[in-house]
Amino acid sequence: MTKTTGGIYLNHLKHEVITPALNYINLGGQRAINQVTGTFLVEGYACNYTYLRQLGKGPALGPCQMEPATYHDIWDNYLNNARRQPLRSLLMHIAGDFNLDNRGIPKPETLTGNLFFAAAMCRVFYIRIREILPDSRNATAMAQYHKKYYNTALGKADWQKNIDRFQQAIDC
């Protein structure tokens, strides 16, 4: 049986959205592609739907469910560095210029309507972490890494229950 992500065929999500987005920003590779694909499955997919906004009163946005505070931290403290100007420019190009804030930065809501941008921002989140990404074929390590760094101890994710999602990301 073919897995789907709320109408998005998983193979297409991985190979037609996430892979080209990560390759465009020069941060691709199988480890990154599988980690971001797994993150999309864990964070934004539940009950046969892909969520573009967190349900309830939560602030998270996009299929990667990135919170605006995290998003702004990336732009203000990581991308706001002369050495990272090339990456910043690539992200700006993916985002387009129709949804910018008064500082010229894409608004966090761009994550909800631009899957390429959401994938790229998810990868930028992970690139800030000193510990290297887990092996691209180790779903358990990927689920643990996601929980430790992306979802954190404060989040509701259960890494043991998410091993299957990361395995799907690997297998497609």
N, C-alpha and C. Protein backbone atom coordinates (compact mmCIF):
# COMPACT_ATOMS: atom_id res chain seq x y z
N MET A 1 0.85 -1.19 0.00
CA MET A 1 0.00 0.00 0.00
C MET A 1 0.88 1.24 0.00
N THR A 2 0.55 2.22 -0.80
CA THR A 2 1.31 3.46 -0.90
C THR A 2 0.92 4.40 0.23
N LYS A 3 1.92 4.98 0.86
CA LYS A 3 1.67 5.94 1.93
C LYS A 3 1.37 7.30 1.32
N THR A 4 0.48 8.04 1.95
CA THR A 4 0.18 9.40 1.52
C THR A 4 0.31 10.33 2.70
N THR A 5 0.46 11.61 2.40
CA THR A 5 0.51 12.61 3.46
C THR A 5 -0.61 13.61 3.19
N GLY A 6 -1.81 13.25 3.56
CA GLY A 6 -2.94 14.15 3.42
C GLY A 6 -3.12 14.65 2.00
N GLY A 7 -3.01 13.76 1.04
CA GLY A 7 -3.17 14.15 -0.34
C GLY A 7 -1.85 14.38 -1.05
N ILE A 8 -0.77 14.49 -0.34
CA ILE A 8 0.54 14.64 -0.96
C ILE A 8 1.21 13.28 -0.95
N TYR A 9 1.45 12.75 -2.12
CA TYR A 9 2.13 11.47 -2.25
C TYR A 9 3.53 11.61 -1.66
N LEU A 10 3.87 10.77 -0.71
CA LEU A 10 5.11 10.90 0.04
C LEU A 10 6.34 10.93 -0.86
N ASN A 11 6.36 10.08 -1.87
CA ASN A 11 7.48 10.06 -2.79
C ASN A 11 7.65 11.40 -3.49
N HIS A 12 6.53 12.03 -3.86
CA HIS A 12 6.59 13.35 -4.49
C HIS A 12 7.05 14.42 -3.50
N LEU A 13 6.53 14.36 -2.28
CA LEU A 13 6.95 15.32 -1.27
C LEU A 13 8.47 15.28 -1.09
N LYS A 14 9.01 14.08 -0.97
CA LYS A 14 10.44 13.93 -0.74
C LYS A 14 11.27 14.32 -1.96
N HIS A 15 10.86 13.82 -3.14
CA HIS A 15 11.72 13.95 -4.32
C HIS A 15 11.41 15.17 -5.18
N GLU A 16 10.21 15.73 -5.08
CA GLU A 16 9.84 16.87 -5.91
C GLU A 16 9.78 18.19 -5.14
N VAL A 17 9.77 18.11 -3.82
CA VAL A 17 9.72 19.33 -3.01
C VAL A 17 10.95 19.43 -2.12
N ILE A 18 11.11 18.50 -1.21
CA ILE A 18 12.18 18.60 -0.21
C ILE A 18 13.56 18.49 -0.85
N THR A 19 13.78 17.50 -1.69
CA THR A 19 15.11 17.32 -2.31
C THR A 19 15.53 18.54 -3.11
N PRO A 20 14.71 19.05 -4.05
CA PRO A 20 15.17 20.22 -4.79
C PRO A 20 15.33 21.47 -3.93
N ALA A 21 14.49 21.63 -2.91
CA ALA A 21 14.64 22.80 -2.03
C ALA A 21 15.97 22.76 -1.29
N LEU A 22 16.30 21.60 -0.73
CA LEU A 22 17.55 21.48 0.02
C LEU A 22 18.76 21.56 -0.90
N ASN A 23 18.66 20.99 -2.08
CA ASN A 23 19.77 21.09 -3.03
C ASN A 23 19.96 22.54 -3.50
N TYR A 24 18.86 23.27 -3.67
CA TYR A 24 18.94 24.66 -4.10
C TYR A 24 19.72 25.52 -3.10
N ILE A 25 19.52 25.25 -1.82
CA ILE A 25 20.24 26.04 -0.80
C ILE A 25 21.58 25.40 -0.43
N ASN A 26 21.98 24.41 -1.20
CA ASN A 26 23.27 23.73 -1.01
C ASN A 26 23.40 23.04 0.34
N LEU A 27 22.28 22.54 0.86
CA LEU A 27 22.28 21.84 2.14
C LEU A 27 21.55 20.50 2.02
N GLY A 28 21.67 19.88 0.85
CA GLY A 28 21.02 18.61 0.61
C GLY A 28 21.83 17.44 1.15
N GLY A 29 21.70 16.31 0.50
CA GLY A 29 22.32 15.08 0.95
C GLY A 29 21.28 14.20 1.60
N GLN A 30 21.52 12.89 1.58
CA GLN A 30 20.52 11.95 2.05
C GLN A 30 20.17 12.11 3.52
N ARG A 31 21.15 12.42 4.35
CA ARG A 31 20.84 12.63 5.78
C ARG A 31 19.84 13.77 5.96
N ALA A 32 20.13 14.87 5.31
CA ALA A 32 19.27 16.05 5.45
C ALA A 32 17.89 15.81 4.84
N ILE A 33 17.86 15.22 3.66
CA ILE A 33 16.59 14.98 2.98
C ILE A 33 15.70 14.06 3.83
N ASN A 34 16.26 12.99 4.35
CA ASN A 34 15.47 12.08 5.18
C ASN A 34 15.05 12.72 6.50
N GLN A 35 15.92 13.51 7.10
CA GLN A 35 15.58 14.17 8.37
C GLN A 35 14.44 15.17 8.17
N VAL A 36 14.52 15.97 7.12
CA VAL A 36 13.46 16.95 6.87
C VAL A 36 12.16 16.26 6.47
N THR A 37 12.24 15.23 5.62
CA THR A 37 11.03 14.49 5.24
C THR A 37 10.38 13.88 6.47
N GLY A 38 11.18 13.26 7.33
CA GLY A 38 10.65 12.69 8.57
C GLY A 38 10.04 13.75 9.47
N THR A 39 10.68 14.90 9.53
CA THR A 39 10.15 15.99 10.35
C THR A 39 8.79 16.45 9.83
N PHE A 40 8.65 16.56 8.51
CA PHE A 40 7.35 16.92 7.94
C PHE A 40 6.30 15.88 8.34
N LEU A 41 6.66 14.61 8.28
CA LEU A 41 5.69 13.55 8.64
C LEU A 41 5.33 13.58 10.11
N VAL A 42 6.31 13.81 10.97
CA VAL A 42 6.07 13.83 12.41
C VAL A 42 5.31 15.09 12.84
N GLU A 43 5.75 16.23 12.33
CA GLU A 43 5.19 17.50 12.80
C GLU A 43 3.87 17.89 12.15
N GLY A 44 3.75 17.67 10.85
CA GLY A 44 2.61 18.22 10.14
C GLY A 44 1.58 17.22 9.67
N TYR A 45 1.76 15.95 9.98
CA TYR A 45 0.84 14.94 9.47
C TYR A 45 0.19 14.17 10.60
N ALA A 46 -1.12 14.15 10.61
CA ALA A 46 -1.87 13.39 11.62
C ALA A 46 -3.26 13.10 11.09
N CYS A 47 -3.78 11.96 11.41
CA CYS A 47 -5.15 11.58 11.05
C CYS A 47 -5.42 11.79 9.56
N ASN A 48 -4.44 11.42 8.72
CA ASN A 48 -4.57 11.50 7.27
C ASN A 48 -4.66 12.90 6.69
N TYR A 49 -4.18 13.89 7.43
CA TYR A 49 -4.15 15.27 6.95
C TYR A 49 -2.75 15.84 7.11
N THR A 50 -2.42 16.78 6.22
CA THR A 50 -1.20 17.57 6.39
C THR A 50 -1.64 18.92 6.94
N TYR A 51 -1.13 19.28 8.09
CA TYR A 51 -1.53 20.51 8.74
C TYR A 51 -0.58 21.64 8.38
N LEU A 52 -1.16 22.78 7.98
CA LEU A 52 -0.37 23.95 7.64
C LEU A 52 -0.35 24.97 8.77
N ARG A 53 -1.19 24.76 9.75
CA ARG A 53 -1.21 25.56 10.98
C ARG A 53 -1.47 24.61 12.13
N GLN A 54 -0.88 24.91 13.26
CA GLN A 54 -1.11 24.08 14.44
C GLN A 54 -2.57 24.19 14.85
N LEU A 55 -3.14 23.05 15.20
CA LEU A 55 -4.53 23.06 15.65
C LEU A 55 -4.63 23.67 17.04
N GLY A 56 -5.80 24.16 17.36
CA GLY A 56 -5.99 24.78 18.66
C GLY A 56 -5.39 26.17 18.69
N LYS A 57 -4.77 26.51 19.80
CA LYS A 57 -4.23 27.86 19.96
C LYS A 57 -2.72 27.91 19.75
N GLY A 58 -2.13 26.82 19.28
CA GLY A 58 -0.69 26.80 19.07
C GLY A 58 -0.26 27.68 17.92
N PRO A 59 0.96 28.18 17.96
CA PRO A 59 1.42 29.13 16.94
C PRO A 59 2.14 28.51 15.74
N ALA A 60 2.41 27.20 15.76
CA ALA A 60 3.27 26.58 14.75
C ALA A 60 2.67 26.67 13.35
N LEU A 61 3.56 26.84 12.35
CA LEU A 61 3.15 27.06 10.97
C LEU A 61 3.85 26.13 10.00
N GLY A 62 3.15 25.80 8.92
CA GLY A 62 3.73 25.02 7.84
C GLY A 62 3.76 23.54 8.16
N PRO A 63 4.07 22.72 7.15
CA PRO A 63 4.12 21.28 7.37
C PRO A 63 5.25 20.86 8.32
N CYS A 64 6.19 21.76 8.57
CA CYS A 64 7.25 21.48 9.54
C CYS A 64 6.87 22.00 10.93
N GLN A 65 5.71 22.67 11.02
CA GLN A 65 5.19 23.18 12.29
C GLN A 65 6.24 23.99 13.06
N MET A 66 6.83 24.95 12.38
CA MET A 66 7.82 25.83 13.01
C MET A 66 7.09 26.98 13.70
N GLU A 67 7.49 27.25 14.93
CA GLU A 67 6.87 28.34 15.66
C GLU A 67 7.48 29.67 15.22
N PRO A 68 6.67 30.74 15.18
CA PRO A 68 7.19 32.04 14.77
C PRO A 68 8.41 32.50 15.58
N ALA A 69 8.45 32.21 16.86
CA ALA A 69 9.61 32.62 17.67
C ALA A 69 10.89 31.94 17.16
N THR A 70 10.80 30.67 16.80
CA THR A 70 11.95 29.94 16.25
C THR A 70 12.31 30.52 14.90
N TYR A 71 11.31 30.75 14.08
CA TYR A 71 11.51 31.32 12.75
C TYR A 71 12.26 32.66 12.84
N HIS A 72 11.78 33.53 13.71
CA HIS A 72 12.43 34.84 13.87
C HIS A 72 13.84 34.71 14.44
N ASP A 73 14.05 33.77 15.33
CA ASP A 73 15.39 33.54 15.87
C ASP A 73 16.35 33.15 14.75
N ILE A 74 15.90 32.31 13.83
CA ILE A 74 16.75 31.91 12.71
C ILE A 74 17.12 33.13 11.87
N TRP A 75 16.14 33.94 11.54
CA TRP A 75 16.41 35.12 10.71
C TRP A 75 17.22 36.19 11.46
N ASP A 76 16.91 36.41 12.72
CA ASP A 76 17.57 37.49 13.48
C ASP A 76 18.96 37.11 13.97
N ASN A 77 19.17 35.86 14.33
CA ASN A 77 20.42 35.49 14.98
C ASN A 77 21.31 34.54 14.18
N TYR A 78 20.75 33.84 13.23
CA TYR A 78 21.58 32.93 12.44
C TYR A 78 21.83 33.49 11.04
N LEU A 79 20.79 33.88 10.37
CA LEU A 79 20.94 34.37 8.99
C LEU A 79 21.41 35.82 8.93
N ASN A 80 21.34 36.51 10.05
CA ASN A 80 21.77 37.91 10.11
C ASN A 80 23.27 37.99 10.39
N ASN A 81 24.02 37.35 9.54
CA ASN A 81 25.48 37.25 9.68
C ASN A 81 26.05 37.33 8.27
N ALA A 82 27.06 38.12 8.08
CA ALA A 82 27.62 38.33 6.74
C ALA A 82 28.05 37.02 6.08
N ARG A 83 28.56 36.08 6.86
CA ARG A 83 28.98 34.79 6.28
C ARG A 83 27.81 33.99 5.73
N ARG A 84 26.62 34.27 6.22
CA ARG A 84 25.45 33.51 5.79
C ARG A 84 24.60 34.26 4.77
N GLN A 85 25.12 35.35 4.26
CA GLN A 85 24.38 36.13 3.26
C GLN A 85 24.01 35.31 2.03
N PRO A 86 24.89 34.45 1.52
CA PRO A 86 24.47 33.64 0.37
C PRO A 86 23.27 32.74 0.67
N LEU A 87 23.24 32.13 1.84
CA LEU A 87 22.11 31.29 2.23
C LEU A 87 20.86 32.15 2.39
N ARG A 88 21.01 33.26 3.03
CA ARG A 88 19.89 34.19 3.21
C ARG A 88 19.30 34.60 1.86
N SER A 89 20.15 34.89 0.91
CA SER A 89 19.69 35.29 -0.43
C SER A 89 18.93 34.16 -1.12
N LEU A 90 19.42 32.94 -0.98
CA LEU A 90 18.73 31.79 -1.57
C LEU A 90 17.35 31.60 -0.94
N LEU A 91 17.27 31.75 0.37
CA LEU A 91 15.98 31.63 1.06
C LEU A 91 15.01 32.73 0.61
N MET A 92 15.53 33.93 0.45
CA MET A 92 14.70 35.05 -0.01
C MET A 92 14.17 34.75 -1.42
N HIS A 93 15.00 34.16 -2.24
CA HIS A 93 14.59 33.84 -3.60
C HIS A 93 13.48 32.79 -3.61
N ILE A 94 13.62 31.77 -2.78
CA ILE A 94 12.57 30.75 -2.68
C ILE A 94 11.26 31.36 -2.17
N ALA A 95 11.36 32.24 -1.18
CA ALA A 95 10.16 32.81 -0.55
C ALA A 95 9.43 33.78 -1.46
N GLY A 96 10.14 34.46 -2.33
CA GLY A 96 9.52 35.49 -3.16
C GLY A 96 9.38 36.78 -2.38
N ASP A 97 8.87 37.80 -3.03
CA ASP A 97 8.82 39.11 -2.38
C ASP A 97 7.41 39.62 -2.13
N PHE A 98 6.43 38.74 -2.19
CA PHE A 98 5.04 39.19 -2.00
C PHE A 98 4.57 39.16 -0.56
N ASN A 99 5.34 38.54 0.33
CA ASN A 99 4.87 38.37 1.71
C ASN A 99 5.97 38.77 2.70
N LEU A 100 6.52 39.95 2.51
CA LEU A 100 7.63 40.40 3.35
C LEU A 100 7.13 41.29 4.48
N ASP A 101 7.87 41.26 5.59
CA ASP A 101 7.54 42.16 6.69
C ASP A 101 8.21 43.51 6.43
N ASN A 102 8.09 44.43 7.37
CA ASN A 102 8.64 45.78 7.17
C ASN A 102 10.17 45.81 7.19
N ARG A 103 10.81 44.69 7.54
CA ARG A 103 12.28 44.61 7.49
C ARG A 103 12.76 43.92 6.21
N GLY A 104 11.81 43.50 5.37
CA GLY A 104 12.17 42.83 4.13
C GLY A 104 12.40 41.34 4.29
N ILE A 105 11.97 40.77 5.40
CA ILE A 105 12.12 39.33 5.67
C ILE A 105 10.77 38.66 5.40
N PRO A 106 10.78 37.48 4.79
CA PRO A 106 9.50 36.78 4.58
C PRO A 106 8.76 36.58 5.91
N LYS A 107 7.48 36.81 5.90
CA LYS A 107 6.68 36.60 7.10
C LYS A 107 6.62 35.10 7.41
N PRO A 108 6.50 34.74 8.69
CA PRO A 108 6.43 33.33 9.05
C PRO A 108 5.30 32.58 8.33
N GLU A 109 4.23 33.27 8.01
CA GLU A 109 3.10 32.66 7.34
C GLU A 109 3.47 32.10 5.96
N THR A 110 4.61 32.52 5.43
CA THR A 110 5.08 32.00 4.15
C THR A 110 5.29 30.49 4.25
N LEU A 111 5.56 29.99 5.44
CA LEU A 111 5.74 28.55 5.65
C LEU A 111 4.48 27.76 5.32
N THR A 112 3.31 28.38 5.41
CA THR A 112 2.07 27.66 5.18
C THR A 112 1.75 27.47 3.71
N GLY A 113 2.21 28.35 2.86
CA GLY A 113 1.84 28.28 1.46
C GLY A 113 2.96 27.97 0.49
N ASN A 114 4.16 27.86 0.98
CA ASN A 114 5.31 27.63 0.12
C ASN A 114 6.08 26.43 0.67
N LEU A 115 5.81 25.25 0.12
CA LEU A 115 6.43 24.03 0.62
C LEU A 115 7.94 24.02 0.44
N PHE A 116 8.43 24.60 -0.66
CA PHE A 116 9.88 24.67 -0.87
C PHE A 116 10.53 25.48 0.24
N PHE A 117 9.91 26.61 0.56
CA PHE A 117 10.44 27.48 1.62
C PHE A 117 10.38 26.78 2.98
N ALA A 118 9.26 26.09 3.26
CA ALA A 118 9.14 25.37 4.52
C ALA A 118 10.23 24.31 4.65
N ALA A 119 10.49 23.57 3.57
CA ALA A 119 11.55 22.56 3.60
C ALA A 119 12.91 23.19 3.85
N ALA A 120 13.17 24.28 3.16
CA ALA A 120 14.46 24.96 3.32
C ALA A 120 14.63 25.50 4.73
N MET A 121 13.59 26.08 5.30
CA MET A 121 13.68 26.62 6.66
C MET A 121 13.84 25.50 7.68
N CYS A 122 13.19 24.38 7.47
CA CYS A 122 13.36 23.23 8.36
C CYS A 122 14.82 22.79 8.34
N ARG A 123 15.41 22.75 7.15
CA ARG A 123 16.82 22.36 7.04
C ARG A 123 17.73 23.37 7.72
N VAL A 124 17.43 24.66 7.58
CA VAL A 124 18.24 25.69 8.23
C VAL A 124 18.14 25.54 9.74
N PHE A 125 16.96 25.18 10.24
CA PHE A 125 16.85 24.91 11.67
C PHE A 125 17.89 23.87 12.09
N TYR A 126 17.94 22.77 11.36
CA TYR A 126 18.84 21.68 11.72
C TYR A 126 20.32 22.04 11.51
N ILE A 127 20.63 22.87 10.55
CA ILE A 127 22.05 23.20 10.29
C ILE A 127 22.65 23.97 11.47
N ARG A 128 21.84 24.60 12.27
CA ARG A 128 22.34 25.36 13.42
C ARG A 128 22.81 24.47 14.57
N ILE A 129 22.46 23.21 14.52
CA ILE A 129 22.79 22.29 15.61
C ILE A 129 24.19 21.74 15.40
N ARG A 130 24.98 21.75 16.45
CA ARG A 130 26.38 21.31 16.35
C ARG A 130 26.52 19.81 16.09
N GLU A 131 25.64 19.02 16.66
CA GLU A 131 25.69 17.57 16.46
C GLU A 131 25.26 17.25 15.03
N ILE A 132 26.04 16.44 14.33
CA ILE A 132 25.72 16.13 12.95
C ILE A 132 24.42 15.34 12.86
N LEU A 133 23.80 15.42 11.70
CA LEU A 133 22.57 14.66 11.47
C LEU A 133 22.86 13.17 11.57
N PRO A 134 21.88 12.40 12.02
CA PRO A 134 22.06 10.95 12.12
C PRO A 134 22.25 10.31 10.74
N ASP A 135 22.71 9.08 10.77
CA ASP A 135 22.84 8.29 9.55
C ASP A 135 21.52 8.29 8.80
N SER A 136 21.59 8.39 7.49
CA SER A 136 20.39 8.53 6.67
C SER A 136 19.49 7.29 6.65
N ARG A 137 19.96 6.16 7.16
CA ARG A 137 19.18 4.92 7.16
C ARG A 137 18.78 4.47 8.57
N ASN A 138 19.01 5.32 9.57
CA ASN A 138 18.74 4.95 10.95
C ASN A 138 17.52 5.71 11.49
N ALA A 139 16.35 5.13 11.31
CA ALA A 139 15.11 5.80 11.71
C ALA A 139 15.06 6.07 13.21
N THR A 140 15.59 5.18 14.02
CA THR A 140 15.58 5.39 15.47
C THR A 140 16.41 6.61 15.83
N ALA A 141 17.61 6.70 15.30
CA ALA A 141 18.47 7.85 15.59
C ALA A 141 17.85 9.15 15.07
N MET A 142 17.20 9.09 13.91
CA MET A 142 16.56 10.28 13.37
C MET A 142 15.41 10.74 14.25
N ALA A 143 14.61 9.79 14.74
CA ALA A 143 13.50 10.14 15.63
C ALA A 143 14.00 10.73 16.94
N GLN A 144 15.07 10.19 17.47
CA GLN A 144 15.66 10.72 18.71
C GLN A 144 16.23 12.12 18.49
N TYR A 145 16.90 12.31 17.37
CA TYR A 145 17.49 13.61 17.03
C TYR A 145 16.39 14.66 16.89
N HIS A 146 15.31 14.30 16.19
CA HIS A 146 14.18 15.20 16.04
C HIS A 146 13.62 15.61 17.40
N LYS A 147 13.42 14.62 18.27
CA LYS A 147 12.86 14.90 19.59
C LYS A 147 13.77 15.80 20.40
N LYS A 148 15.05 15.49 20.38
CA LYS A 148 16.01 16.24 21.20
C LYS A 148 16.14 17.69 20.74
N TYR A 149 16.22 17.91 19.44
CA TYR A 149 16.53 19.25 18.94
C TYR A 149 15.35 20.01 18.35
N TYR A 150 14.47 19.34 17.65
CA TYR A 150 13.39 20.05 16.97
C TYR A 150 12.16 20.17 17.86
N ASN A 151 11.74 19.08 18.45
CA ASN A 151 10.54 19.08 19.27
C ASN A 151 10.87 19.43 20.72
N THR A 152 12.03 19.08 21.19
CA THR A 152 12.57 19.32 22.53
C THR A 152 11.77 18.60 23.61
N ALA A 153 12.29 18.66 24.81
CA ALA A 153 11.65 18.01 25.96
C ALA A 153 10.27 18.63 26.25
N LEU A 154 10.07 19.87 25.82
CA LEU A 154 8.80 20.54 26.08
C LEU A 154 7.70 20.13 25.11
N GLY A 155 8.07 19.56 23.97
CA GLY A 155 7.09 19.18 22.96
C GLY A 155 6.40 17.88 23.26
N LYS A 156 5.34 17.60 22.52
CA LYS A 156 4.52 16.42 22.76
C LYS A 156 4.99 15.19 21.99
N ALA A 157 5.94 15.34 21.09
CA ALA A 157 6.37 14.19 20.27
C ALA A 157 6.97 13.10 21.15
N ASP A 158 6.73 11.87 20.73
CA ASP A 158 7.29 10.69 21.39
C ASP A 158 8.17 10.01 20.36
N TRP A 159 9.48 10.06 20.56
CA TRP A 159 10.40 9.56 19.53
C TRP A 159 10.15 8.10 19.20
N GLN A 160 9.77 7.30 20.19
CA GLN A 160 9.53 5.88 19.93
C GLN A 160 8.35 5.67 18.98
N LYS A 161 7.33 6.48 19.13
CA LYS A 161 6.17 6.38 18.26
C LYS A 161 6.45 6.96 16.88
N ASN A 162 7.50 7.75 16.75
CA ASN A 162 7.80 8.40 15.48
C ASN A 162 8.83 7.66 14.64
N ILE A 163 9.36 6.57 15.13
CA ILE A 163 10.33 5.80 14.35
C ILE A 163 9.71 5.39 13.02
N ASP A 164 8.45 4.98 13.04
CA ASP A 164 7.76 4.56 11.81
C ASP A 164 7.73 5.70 10.78
N ARG A 165 7.50 6.91 11.22
CA ARG A 165 7.44 8.06 10.29
C ARG A 165 8.81 8.29 9.66
N PHE A 166 9.86 8.20 10.44
CA PHE A 166 11.19 8.38 9.88
C PHE A 166 11.56 7.21 8.97
N GLN A 167 11.08 6.01 9.28
CA GLN A 167 11.32 4.88 8.40
C GLN A 167 10.62 5.09 7.05
N GLN A 168 9.43 5.64 7.09
CA GLN A 168 8.74 5.97 5.84
C GLN A 168 9.54 6.97 5.03
N ALA A 169 10.11 7.95 5.71
CA ALA A 169 10.92 8.96 5.02
C ALA A 169 12.14 8.32 4.35
N ILE A 170 12.71 7.35 5.01
CA ILE A 170 13.88 6.63 4.46
C ILE A 170 13.48 5.77 3.27
N ASP A 171 12.37 5.07 3.39
CA ASP A 171 11.98 4.05 2.41
C ASP A 171 11.40 4.60 1.11
N CYS A 172 10.90 5.80 1.12
CA CYS A 172 10.24 6.27 -0.11
C CYS A 172 11.24 6.80 -1.14
